[in-house]
Every structure is written in C-alpha cells, then in structure tokens.
Amino acid sequence: MNWEGIAAIGEFVSAGAVVASLIYVGVQIRQSVRISRAEAQRASSDQYTKLSLRRSDSPELRSLWTRAMTGARLGDLTADEKIIMGIELQALFNNISMDFNNNEMGLAHNAHWLAISNMVKMFVAHPLIRDWWATIPNGVGFHLSFFNWIDTLVLDNEPMLEKDS
C-alpha cells in the first residue's frame, strides 16, 4: 500500500468522525431543548400550584376570588381588598407573562401554552379582572408584546355578564 492510499483512508476516517461528531452534537442539542422545555413547564406549574395553594389556605383570598369569578367589579371591593386582589392578579399575570415569554422563545410545549392561553381568555372575560387590567398604565411591569396580547384578548373577548345588582 502506498502513502496516497493511506492518506485517502485517513481522510475517509476523519470525515466519518466529523459526521459522527455532528450527529452527536445534534442529539445533545435536541436533548437540551427538551430538558429546557420540561424545566420551563415544571417551573410554570409550580408557580400556579403555589398561587392556588395560597388561595385555598386563605378564607379571605377564597372569598375575593369567588367574588371575582362571579361578576364582582373592582369598585365593589374595599380599599384593602383592592390591594390584596391587585397583588394576587399581579402575581398571576407575572406567571402568565413568563409562560408567554417561554412560548415566544419556543420553550413552551404547544399543549401547555394552549391550556394557559385558554385560561387567560377565561380570566379576562371577568369584569373585575378587566377592571384591574385597565388600571395598568401602558403595561408597566410587563413586556410590551405581552401587554399588547392581553389588551387584544380583552378587546376581542366578550365580557361576562356582570352580577345582578
């Protein structure tokens, strides 16, 4: 065997090693993306669970949320209740904003994002939540694209009927 034959074999082996390395890197990147998506979904679920548990542990929060989900308006609440509900809604919408951003970055599973966006559509139909959202000046505290998305949902979705006076 001559040197040219040995060189050709060496080049072939090198090319095979490069292809194998690229396949390995591709598999690793795909696995990393899956892990990132799973971690983002787990973090999101953990936050919603914490909010739900806080509501279930507090009679005052349960009462406020019941009123909010049954047609109360922000104006129906006392000053202290408005503050408490404002904190609750800010925490909820911060979580929703995180999910929105994860979806924008491709980190949200489609089914997870669909469930979250449907939940948001349901929430923004409630008069109290619509009232609260209207108090957020120019999206302060939220990314502009998230703020615009919520504004669009508020405008596009019919409000729930207000409770009977």
Protein backbone atom coordinates (compact mmCIF):
# COMPACT_ATOMS: atom_id res chain seq x y z
CA MET A 1 0.00 0.00 0.00
CA ASN A 2 1.34 3.44 -0.88
CA TRP A 3 1.15 6.72 1.02
CA GLU A 4 -1.69 8.06 -1.13
CA GLY A 5 -3.87 5.09 -0.21
CA ILE A 6 -3.11 5.54 3.48
CA ALA A 7 -3.89 9.28 3.21
CA ALA A 8 -7.22 8.53 1.48
CA ILE A 9 -8.17 6.09 4.23
CA GLY A 10 -7.19 8.70 6.82
CA GLU A 11 -9.34 11.35 5.16
CA PHE A 12 -12.28 8.94 4.96
CA VAL A 13 -11.96 8.05 8.66
CA SER A 14 -11.64 11.76 9.55
CA ALA A 15 -14.75 12.64 7.54
CA GLY A 16 -16.64 9.83 9.26
CA ALA A 17 -15.53 11.12 12.66
CA VAL A 18 -16.70 14.64 11.79
CA VAL A 19 -20.11 13.34 10.68
CA ALA A 20 -20.41 11.23 13.85
CA SER A 21 -19.45 14.26 15.97
CA LEU A 22 -22.07 16.43 14.25
CA ILE A 23 -24.73 13.79 14.80
CA TYR A 24 -23.73 13.55 18.47
CA VAL A 25 -23.87 17.35 18.90
CA GLY A 26 -27.27 17.45 17.20
CA VAL A 27 -28.64 14.80 19.54
CA GLN A 28 -27.23 16.66 22.54
CA ILE A 29 -28.79 19.96 21.44
CA ARG A 30 -32.15 18.29 20.86
CA GLN A 31 -31.99 16.71 24.31
CA SER A 32 -31.01 20.06 25.85
CA VAL A 33 -34.02 21.77 24.24
CA ARG A 34 -36.32 19.05 25.59
CA ILE A 35 -34.86 19.47 29.07
CA SER A 36 -35.27 23.26 28.87
CA ARG A 37 -38.90 22.89 27.82
CA ALA A 38 -39.60 20.43 30.62
CA GLU A 39 -37.95 22.72 33.18
CA ALA A 40 -39.90 25.74 31.93
CA GLN A 41 -43.18 23.82 32.16
CA ARG A 42 -42.34 22.48 35.62
CA ALA A 43 -41.46 25.98 36.87
CA SER A 44 -44.71 27.30 35.43
CA SER A 45 -46.78 24.54 37.02
CA ASP A 46 -45.03 25.06 40.35
CA GLN A 47 -45.90 28.76 40.33
CA TYR A 48 -49.58 28.16 39.51
CA THR A 49 -49.72 25.49 42.22
CA LYS A 50 -48.26 27.92 44.78
CA LEU A 51 -50.84 30.55 43.85
CA SER A 52 -53.67 28.02 44.08
CA LEU A 53 -52.50 26.71 47.43
CA ARG A 54 -52.24 30.24 48.80
CA ARG A 55 -55.83 30.87 47.74
CA SER A 56 -57.07 27.61 49.19
CA ASP A 57 -55.32 28.26 52.52
CA SER A 58 -56.80 31.73 52.99
CA PRO A 59 -60.54 32.24 53.53
CA GLU A 60 -60.11 35.91 52.60
CA LEU A 61 -58.44 35.09 49.28
CA ARG A 62 -61.00 32.38 48.53
CA SER A 63 -63.78 34.89 49.13
CA LEU A 64 -62.13 37.52 46.93
CA TRP A 65 -61.56 35.06 44.08
CA THR A 66 -65.10 33.74 44.37
CA ARG A 67 -66.42 37.27 44.09
CA ALA A 68 -64.08 38.00 41.16
CA MET A 69 -65.19 34.87 39.30
CA THR A 70 -68.88 35.53 39.89
CA GLY A 71 -69.09 39.01 38.39
CA ALA A 72 -67.89 41.43 41.05
CA ARG A 73 -66.34 44.66 39.83
CA LEU A 74 -63.16 46.22 41.17
CA GLY A 75 -65.29 49.06 42.51
CA ASP A 76 -67.23 46.56 44.66
CA LEU A 77 -64.12 45.86 46.77
CA THR A 78 -62.93 47.75 49.81
CA ALA A 79 -59.60 49.59 49.60
CA ASP A 80 -57.82 46.73 51.41
CA GLU A 81 -59.46 44.12 49.17
CA LYS A 82 -58.37 46.05 46.07
CA ILE A 83 -54.76 45.95 47.27
CA ILE A 84 -54.93 42.24 48.07
CA MET A 85 -56.62 41.40 44.77
CA GLY A 86 -54.15 43.61 42.91
CA ILE A 87 -51.25 41.66 44.42
CA GLU A 88 -52.94 38.36 43.53
CA LEU A 89 -53.60 39.41 39.96
CA GLN A 90 -50.09 40.84 39.54
CA ALA A 91 -48.63 37.50 40.67
CA LEU A 92 -50.95 35.57 38.36
CA PHE A 93 -50.23 37.77 35.36
CA ASN A 94 -46.48 37.66 36.08
CA ASN A 95 -46.74 33.87 35.76
CA ILE A 96 -48.78 34.18 32.60
CA SER A 97 -46.18 36.61 31.24
CA MET A 98 -43.44 34.07 31.98
CA ASP A 99 -45.39 31.43 30.02
CA PHE A 100 -45.97 33.91 27.20
CA ASN A 101 -42.23 34.60 27.01
CA ASN A 102 -41.41 30.89 27.15
CA ASN A 103 -43.82 30.34 24.26
CA GLU A 104 -42.23 33.19 22.29
CA MET A 105 -38.78 31.61 22.82
CA GLY A 106 -40.03 28.17 21.77
CA LEU A 107 -39.68 26.73 25.28
CA ALA A 108 -43.37 26.00 25.88
CA HIS A 109 -44.99 22.77 24.78
CA ASN A 110 -47.89 23.55 22.45
CA ALA A 111 -50.43 21.81 24.69
CA HIS A 112 -49.20 23.68 27.77
CA TRP A 113 -49.37 27.05 26.02
CA LEU A 114 -52.83 26.26 24.62
CA ALA A 115 -54.08 25.47 28.14
CA ILE A 116 -52.57 28.69 29.54
CA SER A 117 -53.91 30.89 26.75
CA ASN A 118 -57.40 29.39 27.14
CA MET A 119 -57.23 30.04 30.89
CA VAL A 120 -56.25 33.66 30.20
CA LYS A 121 -59.15 34.11 27.78
CA MET A 122 -61.48 32.87 30.51
CA PHE A 123 -59.94 35.19 33.12
CA VAL A 124 -60.08 38.34 31.01
CA ALA A 125 -63.82 37.82 30.49
CA HIS A 126 -64.45 38.55 34.19
CA PRO A 127 -65.38 42.18 34.90
CA LEU A 128 -63.12 42.54 37.96
CA ILE A 129 -60.07 41.32 36.05
CA ARG A 130 -60.90 43.59 33.11
CA ASP A 131 -61.24 46.50 35.55
CA TRP A 132 -57.88 45.67 37.15
CA TRP A 133 -56.15 45.33 33.76
CA ALA A 134 -57.44 48.77 32.79
CA THR A 135 -55.54 50.21 35.79
CA ILE A 136 -52.16 49.03 34.44
CA PRO A 137 -50.70 52.17 32.83
CA ASN A 138 -49.12 51.39 29.45
CA GLY A 139 -48.14 47.90 30.50
CA VAL A 140 -45.89 48.99 33.37
CA GLY A 141 -44.30 45.85 34.79
CA PHE A 142 -44.93 43.74 31.70
CA HIS A 143 -43.13 43.21 28.42
CA LEU A 144 -44.81 45.25 25.68
CA SER A 145 -45.69 42.25 23.49
CA PHE A 146 -47.35 40.53 26.48
CA PHE A 147 -49.24 43.69 27.39
CA ASN A 148 -50.46 44.04 23.80
CA TRP A 149 -51.53 40.38 23.70
CA ILE A 150 -53.62 40.79 26.86
CA ASP A 151 -55.10 44.05 25.55
CA THR A 152 -56.10 42.24 22.35
CA LEU A 153 -57.72 39.43 24.36
CA VAL A 154 -59.64 41.95 26.47
CA LEU A 155 -60.89 43.71 23.34
CA ASP A 156 -61.66 40.54 21.37
CA ASN A 157 -63.43 38.57 24.09
CA GLU A 158 -66.89 39.41 25.26
CA PRO A 159 -67.03 40.27 28.95
CA MET A 160 -69.02 38.00 31.20
CA LEU A 161 -72.32 39.43 32.31
CA GLU A 162 -71.98 41.49 35.42
CA LYS A 163 -73.65 40.18 38.52
CA ASP A 164 -77.15 41.36 39.17
CA SER A 165 -77.31 44.49 41.28
